[in-house]
Amino acid sequence: MRSSPEVADVFRSYGPDYREMHGQGMPLAHLRAMRAIETCRTAALGGHVDECDHCGALRVSYNSCRNRHCPKCQSLDKERWLENRKRDLLPTRYFHIVFTLPQQLRSLALRNQQVVYNLLFRAAAETLKTLAQDPKHLGAQIGFIAVLHTWSQTLMHHPHLHCIVTGGGLSPDGTRWIQPKTDFLIHVKVLSKLFQGKLLAYLKEAWQNGQLSFPGKVAYLQKERSFNDLLSELYKQEWVVYCKHPFPNAEKVMDYLGRYTHRVAISNDRVVKIHNNQVTFRYRDRDDNDKVKLMTLNASEFIRRFLMHVLPDGFMKIRHYGILSNRSRKTKLSTCKALLGVCHPDETRNAKESWQELLTRITGHDPRICPYCGKGKMILKEVLNPSALPLPP
């Protein structure tokens, strides 16, 4: 019997009151995420009964919600994604570069997620591609994966992109693999300046084209003078693009991607206690040598912070660029593999792998084997229909 508290317990206990208080003004994506997390792996979503063909034991399993913001539904999707990424890895160093949205723009971004997050991706991607292609820096076409995170350790709004960048790239004529000239792919000050200019130019263009909305706290930015004043203030500041130590090999890249790509705002193992309308969870204090501390929030505030990180429907939080883009994967990436002496693996090996086979491979535990006698095989006996339809549709 599960005894550890989970994010779902917060939503089940305090979600109805939160919806009653805020429901009419909540985005549909927030309502769907709440309902999905509340009903995940419960009778509300239906399930099935398996029976052991050896000892006759019964096992009831309920369906997952498969919502990408649910802490319980990311593992298998992550493993399938990682399996595909393994085929793209090259035998080179990889750089880890982080682009962060300035504090002054976060309120605007929260109210214009689709537009501003897309501009964050665009500005970061163009910055990396433009500078990498410049002969003064690398003079080659690189490849990189960009992953959007919108949270801090305390669930505050902190949009930033983690970019995993190839340590080198394909020459313009497609005949050579070019290595970086120094231990740094591109100096962070150069990255910062170009990223700053591109993002602010794209924001100004979005304002001029009427693509931004200005509800609540950002209403003053609807005035052209106020918006231009904000941009002028941001132009004067020195922006910081953070470049971490490069990954030494492909295994370290996969380890990082496995931990970061399919994360949600907070995992279940960080929730410590739910009691008396309060939620206590662990966090790392970045300003105090990454010490693990406890924070307690009112349940309503915990839910509000969690929902800030629910992305708009259909928004792609993981994107591939350059030689790793979908358009280039079969052409330029294949050329890079040949130049670097990479053997082409069997691309269809896991194409039809079932979730049971995948789970067995990554955990060593076969869910088809009877957990009671350890000898028999669990056979589907009955399908359980949902006891209630999750709302909204």
Protein backbone atom coordinates (compact mmCIF):
# COMPACT_ATOMS: atom_id res chain seq x y z
CA MET A 1 0.00 0.00 0.00
CA ARG A 2 1.43 3.40 -1.01
CA SER A 3 2.14 5.64 1.97
CA SER A 4 4.28 8.45 0.50
CA PRO A 5 2.36 11.61 -0.46
CA GLU A 6 2.12 12.57 -4.13
CA VAL A 7 1.27 15.64 -6.18
CA ALA A 8 -1.98 13.89 -7.13
CA ASP A 9 -2.99 13.81 -3.45
CA VAL A 10 -2.76 17.60 -3.33
CA PHE A 11 -5.03 17.96 -6.36
CA ARG A 12 -7.51 15.37 -5.11
CA SER A 13 -7.78 16.97 -1.68
CA TYR A 14 -7.65 20.65 -2.58
CA GLY A 15 -8.26 20.83 -6.34
CA PRO A 16 -12.09 21.09 -6.08
CA ASP A 17 -11.83 24.16 -3.82
CA TYR A 18 -9.24 25.69 -6.13
CA ARG A 19 -11.48 25.21 -9.16
CA GLU A 20 -14.47 26.63 -7.31
CA MET A 21 -12.46 29.74 -6.51
CA HIS A 22 -10.66 30.22 -9.86
CA GLY A 23 -12.37 27.91 -12.35
CA GLN A 24 -14.09 30.49 -14.54
CA GLY A 25 -10.85 32.29 -15.26
CA MET A 26 -8.61 29.23 -15.62
CA PRO A 27 -7.20 28.15 -18.99
CA LEU A 28 -8.69 24.92 -20.30
CA ALA A 29 -5.20 23.35 -20.36
CA HIS A 30 -4.94 23.91 -16.58
CA LEU A 31 -8.31 22.31 -15.93
CA ARG A 32 -7.41 19.32 -18.08
CA ALA A 33 -4.05 18.87 -16.37
CA MET A 34 -5.63 19.01 -12.91
CA ARG A 35 -8.30 16.49 -13.80
CA ALA A 36 -5.79 14.17 -15.49
CA ILE A 37 -3.47 14.14 -12.46
CA GLU A 38 -6.39 13.61 -10.07
CA THR A 39 -7.73 10.61 -11.99
CA CYS A 40 -4.41 9.05 -13.09
CA ARG A 41 -4.30 5.34 -12.26
CA THR A 42 -7.72 5.37 -10.63
CA ALA A 43 -11.00 3.68 -11.54
CA ALA A 44 -12.11 6.95 -13.14
CA LEU A 45 -9.95 6.16 -16.19
CA GLY A 46 -10.77 2.47 -16.34
CA GLY A 47 -8.27 -0.35 -16.42
CA HIS A 48 -8.05 -4.12 -16.61
CA VAL A 49 -7.92 -7.28 -14.51
CA ASP A 50 -5.15 -9.82 -15.15
CA GLU A 51 -5.20 -13.42 -13.95
CA CYS A 52 -2.19 -15.68 -13.42
CA ASP A 53 -2.37 -18.79 -15.60
CA HIS A 54 -0.49 -20.74 -12.91
CA CYS A 55 -1.84 -19.79 -9.47
CA GLY A 56 -5.03 -17.95 -10.45
CA ALA A 57 -4.11 -14.72 -8.61
CA LEU A 58 -5.85 -11.56 -9.80
CA ARG A 59 -4.25 -8.17 -10.34
CA VAL A 60 -6.20 -4.96 -10.97
CA SER A 61 -4.41 -2.19 -12.89
CA TYR A 62 -5.84 1.23 -13.66
CA ASN A 63 -4.98 3.29 -16.72
CA SER A 64 -2.56 6.23 -16.75
CA CYS A 65 -3.71 9.71 -17.77
CA ARG A 66 -0.66 10.18 -20.08
CA ASN A 67 -0.77 13.93 -19.53
CA ARG A 68 2.73 15.35 -20.06
CA HIS A 69 2.50 17.35 -16.83
CA CYS A 70 1.69 14.32 -14.67
CA PRO A 71 4.61 13.21 -12.45
CA LYS A 72 3.64 9.54 -12.86
CA CYS A 73 3.36 9.40 -16.65
CA GLN A 74 6.77 10.37 -18.05
CA SER A 75 8.99 7.31 -17.62
CA LEU A 76 8.08 5.23 -20.67
CA ASP A 77 7.77 8.25 -22.97
CA LYS A 78 11.19 9.37 -21.78
CA GLU A 79 12.75 5.97 -22.44
CA ARG A 80 11.29 5.77 -25.96
CA TRP A 81 12.56 9.27 -26.70
CA LEU A 82 16.02 8.44 -25.35
CA GLU A 83 16.19 5.28 -27.45
CA ASN A 84 15.65 7.40 -30.56
CA ARG A 85 18.21 9.98 -29.47
CA LYS A 86 20.91 7.34 -28.99
CA ARG A 87 20.92 6.84 -32.75
CA ASP A 88 21.69 10.55 -33.23
CA LEU A 89 24.69 10.81 -30.90
CA LEU A 90 28.10 11.52 -32.37
CA PRO A 91 31.51 10.62 -30.86
CA THR A 92 32.33 14.18 -29.82
CA ARG A 93 32.09 16.44 -26.81
CA TYR A 94 28.78 18.16 -26.21
CA PHE A 95 28.33 21.61 -24.68
CA HIS A 96 25.56 22.53 -22.25
CA ILE A 97 24.36 26.12 -22.72
CA VAL A 98 21.49 27.74 -20.80
CA PHE A 99 19.52 30.74 -22.09
CA THR A 100 17.37 32.44 -19.44
CA LEU A 101 14.48 34.86 -19.85
CA PRO A 102 15.21 38.05 -17.82
CA GLN A 103 13.16 38.66 -14.68
CA GLN A 104 11.47 41.77 -16.15
CA LEU A 105 9.93 39.73 -18.97
CA ARG A 106 8.51 36.86 -16.94
CA SER A 107 5.13 38.41 -16.12
CA LEU A 108 4.65 39.18 -19.81
CA ALA A 109 5.72 35.63 -20.74
CA LEU A 110 3.34 34.03 -18.26
CA ARG A 111 0.42 35.81 -19.93
CA ASN A 112 1.71 35.16 -23.46
CA GLN A 113 3.27 31.72 -23.16
CA GLN A 114 2.81 30.57 -26.75
CA VAL A 115 4.31 33.74 -28.23
CA VAL A 116 7.12 34.49 -25.79
CA TYR A 117 8.31 30.90 -25.35
CA ASN A 118 8.44 30.50 -29.13
CA LEU A 119 10.51 33.69 -29.34
CA LEU A 120 12.83 32.36 -26.63
CA PHE A 121 13.44 29.23 -28.73
CA ARG A 122 13.87 31.28 -31.89
CA ALA A 123 16.33 33.79 -30.41
CA ALA A 124 18.46 31.10 -28.75
CA ALA A 125 18.50 28.87 -31.83
CA GLU A 126 19.42 31.67 -34.22
CA THR A 127 22.12 32.88 -31.83
CA LEU A 128 23.79 29.47 -31.73
CA LYS A 129 23.48 28.81 -35.46
CA THR A 130 24.64 32.27 -36.52
CA LEU A 131 27.73 32.33 -34.32
CA ALA A 132 28.69 28.72 -35.04
CA GLN A 133 28.59 29.36 -38.79
CA ASP A 134 30.86 32.41 -38.39
CA PRO A 135 34.48 31.40 -39.31
CA LYS A 136 35.72 33.56 -36.41
CA HIS A 137 34.17 31.05 -34.00
CA LEU A 138 33.68 27.65 -35.65
CA GLY A 139 32.68 28.05 -39.29
CA ALA A 140 30.41 25.01 -39.30
CA GLN A 141 26.83 23.86 -38.97
CA ILE A 142 26.23 22.49 -35.50
CA GLY A 143 23.38 20.44 -34.08
CA PHE A 144 21.60 20.91 -30.78
CA ILE A 145 18.60 19.92 -28.71
CA ALA A 146 16.77 22.67 -26.80
CA VAL A 147 14.57 21.81 -23.80
CA LEU A 148 12.28 24.38 -22.16
CA HIS A 149 12.00 24.46 -18.37
CA THR A 150 9.80 27.12 -16.79
CA TRP A 151 10.31 26.51 -13.07
CA SER A 152 12.73 27.13 -10.26
CA GLN A 153 13.29 24.70 -7.39
CA THR A 154 10.57 26.49 -5.42
CA LEU A 155 8.12 26.29 -8.36
CA MET A 156 8.41 29.97 -9.19
CA HIS A 157 8.22 31.10 -12.82
CA HIS A 158 11.75 30.92 -14.27
CA PRO A 159 11.69 30.19 -18.04
CA HIS A 160 15.00 28.99 -19.46
CA LEU A 161 16.29 26.78 -22.26
CA HIS A 162 18.77 23.96 -21.76
CA CYS A 163 20.67 23.44 -25.01
CA ILE A 164 22.85 20.39 -25.66
CA VAL A 165 25.18 21.40 -28.48
CA THR A 166 27.56 19.29 -30.57
CA GLY A 167 31.23 20.07 -29.93
CA GLY A 168 31.95 20.77 -33.55
CA GLY A 169 30.03 20.75 -36.79
CA LEU A 170 29.81 20.02 -40.50
CA SER A 171 31.87 22.18 -42.84
CA PRO A 172 29.95 24.40 -45.30
CA ASP A 173 30.87 22.14 -48.21
CA GLY A 174 29.81 19.03 -46.28
CA THR A 175 33.17 17.28 -46.59
CA ARG A 176 34.75 17.74 -43.13
CA TRP A 177 33.92 17.64 -39.43
CA ILE A 178 35.30 20.82 -37.83
CA GLN A 179 36.38 20.75 -34.18
CA PRO A 180 36.19 23.85 -31.92
CA LYS A 181 39.31 25.99 -31.89
CA THR A 182 39.30 26.27 -28.09
CA ASP A 183 37.78 24.55 -25.07
CA PHE A 184 34.82 26.94 -25.45
CA LEU A 185 32.50 26.50 -28.39
CA ILE A 186 31.63 30.23 -28.38
CA HIS A 187 32.45 32.75 -25.67
CA VAL A 188 29.47 33.37 -23.39
CA LYS A 189 29.72 37.16 -23.69
CA VAL A 190 29.34 36.92 -27.44
CA LEU A 191 26.40 34.53 -27.03
CA SER A 192 24.77 36.81 -24.46
CA LYS A 193 24.99 39.96 -26.59
CA LEU A 194 23.53 38.42 -29.73
CA PHE A 195 20.79 36.57 -27.80
CA GLN A 196 19.83 39.81 -26.07
CA GLY A 197 19.55 41.71 -29.33
CA LYS A 198 17.57 39.03 -31.13
CA LEU A 199 15.06 38.38 -28.33
CA LEU A 200 14.33 42.06 -27.73
CA ALA A 201 13.98 42.73 -31.47
CA TYR A 202 11.51 39.84 -31.81
CA LEU A 203 9.52 41.05 -28.79
CA LYS A 204 9.25 44.54 -30.28
CA GLU A 205 8.08 43.03 -33.56
CA ALA A 206 5.47 40.94 -31.72
CA TRP A 207 4.18 44.05 -29.94
CA GLN A 208 3.96 45.98 -33.21
CA ASN A 209 2.08 43.10 -34.88
CA GLY A 210 -0.47 42.88 -32.08
CA GLN A 211 0.60 39.36 -31.08
CA LEU A 212 0.85 40.13 -27.35
CA SER A 213 -1.93 40.55 -24.81
CA PHE A 214 -1.67 42.67 -21.66
CA PRO A 215 -4.03 41.55 -18.90
CA GLY A 216 -3.66 42.33 -15.22
CA LYS A 217 -0.18 43.28 -14.02
CA VAL A 218 1.20 43.88 -17.51
CA ALA A 219 -1.60 46.18 -18.70
CA TYR A 220 0.75 49.17 -18.64
CA LEU A 221 2.89 47.58 -21.38
CA GLN A 222 0.06 48.09 -23.86
CA LYS A 223 1.26 51.69 -24.14
CA GLU A 224 4.03 51.99 -26.70
CA ARG A 225 6.11 54.30 -24.54
CA SER A 226 5.99 51.93 -21.55
CA PHE A 227 6.91 48.94 -23.69
CA ASN A 228 9.81 50.78 -25.32
CA ASP A 229 11.02 51.94 -21.89
CA LEU A 230 11.11 48.31 -20.76
CA LEU A 231 13.10 47.29 -23.84
CA SER A 232 15.53 50.19 -23.33
CA GLU A 233 16.09 49.11 -19.73
CA LEU A 234 16.76 45.55 -20.87
CA TYR A 235 19.17 46.69 -23.61
CA LYS A 236 21.27 48.48 -20.96
CA GLN A 237 21.61 45.38 -18.81
CA GLU A 238 24.32 42.78 -19.23
CA TRP A 239 22.61 39.48 -19.94
CA VAL A 240 24.18 36.21 -18.87
CA VAL A 241 24.13 33.03 -20.92
CA TYR A 242 25.43 30.19 -18.81
CA CYS A 243 27.76 27.60 -20.34
CA LYS A 244 28.44 24.53 -18.21
CA HIS A 245 31.43 22.21 -18.53
CA PRO A 246 31.15 20.09 -21.69
CA PHE A 247 30.01 16.49 -21.52
CA PRO A 248 33.05 14.28 -22.16
CA ASN A 249 31.21 11.50 -23.98
CA ALA A 250 27.87 10.29 -25.33
CA GLU A 251 27.06 8.33 -22.17
CA LYS A 252 27.12 11.50 -20.08
CA VAL A 253 24.87 13.23 -22.61
CA MET A 254 22.31 10.44 -22.36
CA ASP A 255 22.47 10.55 -18.58
CA TYR A 256 21.74 14.26 -18.62
CA LEU A 257 18.95 13.98 -21.18
CA GLY A 258 17.38 11.17 -19.17
CA ARG A 259 17.18 13.41 -16.12
CA TYR A 260 16.06 16.64 -17.76
CA THR A 261 14.00 16.22 -20.93
CA HIS A 262 10.73 14.85 -19.54
CA ARG A 263 10.78 16.54 -16.16
CA VAL A 264 7.69 18.17 -14.75
CA ALA A 265 7.64 21.10 -12.33
CA ILE A 266 7.99 18.84 -9.28
CA SER A 267 8.39 15.09 -8.91
CA ASN A 268 6.49 13.00 -6.40
CA ASP A 269 9.62 12.10 -4.46
CA ARG A 270 10.08 15.74 -3.46
CA VAL A 271 6.71 15.93 -1.71
CA VAL A 272 7.28 15.33 2.02
CA LYS A 273 3.94 16.01 3.73
CA ILE A 274 0.38 17.09 2.98
CA HIS A 275 -1.51 18.13 6.08
CA ASN A 276 -3.97 20.72 7.31
CA ASN A 277 -4.21 22.57 3.98
CA GLN A 278 -0.42 22.78 3.64
CA VAL A 279 2.12 21.07 1.38
CA THR A 280 5.75 20.57 2.38
CA PHE A 281 8.36 19.69 -0.25
CA ARG A 282 12.13 19.51 -0.70
CA TYR A 283 14.10 21.98 -2.80
CA ARG A 284 17.73 22.79 -3.48
CA ASP A 285 18.79 26.28 -2.47
CA ARG A 286 21.03 27.44 -5.34
CA ASP A 287 22.16 30.45 -3.26
CA ASP A 288 23.32 28.25 -0.37
CA ASN A 289 25.61 25.68 -2.00
CA ASP A 290 22.69 23.60 -3.27
CA LYS A 291 21.66 22.60 0.25
CA VAL A 292 18.46 20.58 0.38
CA LYS A 293 15.81 22.43 2.39
CA LEU A 294 12.10 22.20 3.09
CA MET A 295 9.43 24.66 1.99
CA THR A 296 5.82 24.67 3.15
CA LEU A 297 3.10 26.34 1.08
CA ASN A 298 -0.61 26.73 1.44
CA ALA A 299 -2.22 24.08 -0.79
CA SER A 300 -3.83 26.72 -2.98
CA GLU A 301 -0.48 28.43 -3.52
CA PHE A 302 1.18 25.10 -4.30
CA ILE A 303 -1.46 24.39 -6.97
CA ARG A 304 -1.12 27.91 -8.39
CA ARG A 305 2.64 27.55 -8.72
CA PHE A 306 2.35 24.09 -10.26
CA LEU A 307 -0.15 25.30 -12.87
CA MET A 308 2.14 28.15 -13.96
CA HIS A 309 4.20 25.44 -15.66
CA VAL A 310 1.39 23.77 -17.61
CA LEU A 311 2.21 24.54 -21.23
CA PRO A 312 -0.33 25.48 -23.90
CA ASP A 313 -1.87 22.57 -25.76
CA GLY A 314 0.37 21.34 -28.56
CA PHE A 315 3.39 23.39 -27.50
CA MET A 316 6.66 21.58 -28.27
CA LYS A 317 8.99 21.83 -25.26
CA ILE A 318 11.79 19.78 -26.86
CA ARG A 319 13.12 20.95 -30.24
CA HIS A 320 15.95 19.83 -32.52
CA TYR A 321 18.06 22.14 -34.68
CA GLY A 322 20.82 22.12 -37.27
CA ILE A 323 22.20 18.73 -38.17
CA LEU A 324 19.93 17.16 -35.50
CA SER A 325 16.73 18.61 -36.94
CA ASN A 326 14.18 16.27 -38.50
CA ARG A 327 14.88 17.75 -41.92
CA SER A 328 18.63 17.10 -41.67
CA ARG A 329 18.68 13.82 -39.76
CA LYS A 330 18.73 11.59 -42.86
CA THR A 331 21.13 13.76 -44.83
CA LYS A 332 23.58 15.95 -42.91
CA LEU A 333 23.56 13.85 -39.75
CA SER A 334 24.26 10.74 -41.81
CA THR A 335 27.18 12.59 -43.42
CA CYS A 336 28.55 13.52 -40.00
CA LYS A 337 28.31 9.92 -38.84
CA ALA A 338 30.25 8.76 -41.89
CA LEU A 339 32.93 11.42 -41.36
CA LEU A 340 33.30 10.41 -37.70
CA GLY A 341 33.26 6.68 -38.40
CA VAL A 342 29.95 5.89 -36.70
CA CYS A 343 28.36 2.58 -37.62
CA HIS A 344 24.69 2.77 -38.58
CA PRO A 345 22.60 0.82 -36.05
CA ASP A 346 19.47 -1.09 -36.87
CA GLU A 347 16.90 1.74 -36.89
CA THR A 348 13.98 -0.66 -36.58
CA ARG A 349 15.19 -2.67 -33.58
CA ASN A 350 12.72 -1.18 -31.09
CA ALA A 351 10.15 0.23 -33.51
CA LYS A 352 7.43 -2.19 -32.42
CA GLU A 353 8.54 -2.75 -28.84
CA SER A 354 5.54 -3.02 -26.50
CA TRP A 355 5.40 -1.14 -23.21
CA GLN A 356 5.84 -4.45 -21.38
CA GLU A 357 9.01 -5.23 -23.36
CA LEU A 358 10.33 -1.71 -22.83
CA LEU A 359 9.67 -1.83 -19.08
CA THR A 360 11.38 -5.22 -18.84
CA ARG A 361 14.43 -3.95 -20.70
CA ILE A 362 14.94 -0.79 -18.63
CA THR A 363 14.02 -2.14 -15.19
CA GLY A 364 14.72 -5.84 -15.43
CA HIS A 365 11.20 -6.46 -14.12
CA ASP A 366 8.75 -8.19 -16.45
CA PRO A 367 5.19 -7.01 -15.67
CA ARG A 368 3.83 -10.08 -17.46
CA ILE A 369 5.21 -12.44 -14.79
CA CYS A 370 2.90 -13.14 -11.85
CA PRO A 371 4.06 -11.05 -8.84
CA TYR A 372 2.58 -13.60 -6.43
CA CYS A 373 3.93 -16.99 -7.52
CA GLY A 374 6.69 -15.79 -9.83
CA LYS A 375 5.99 -18.66 -12.21
CA GLY A 376 2.84 -17.95 -14.13
CA LYS A 377 2.02 -15.37 -16.75
CA MET A 378 -0.58 -12.68 -16.21
CA ILE A 379 -3.37 -13.01 -18.79
CA LEU A 380 -6.00 -10.36 -19.48
CA LYS A 381 -9.23 -11.44 -17.84
CA GLU A 382 -11.45 -8.37 -17.93
CA VAL A 383 -11.44 -4.78 -19.19
CA LEU A 384 -12.73 -2.23 -16.70
CA ASN A 385 -14.67 0.68 -18.15
CA PRO A 386 -14.06 4.18 -16.73
CA SER A 387 -16.22 4.81 -13.68
CA ALA A 388 -16.40 8.51 -14.50
CA LEU A 389 -15.43 10.64 -17.47
CA PRO A 390 -12.62 13.09 -16.77
CA LEU A 391 -13.71 16.66 -17.33
CA PRO A 392 -13.27 18.90 -19.18
CA PRO A 393 -13.05 16.83 -22.41
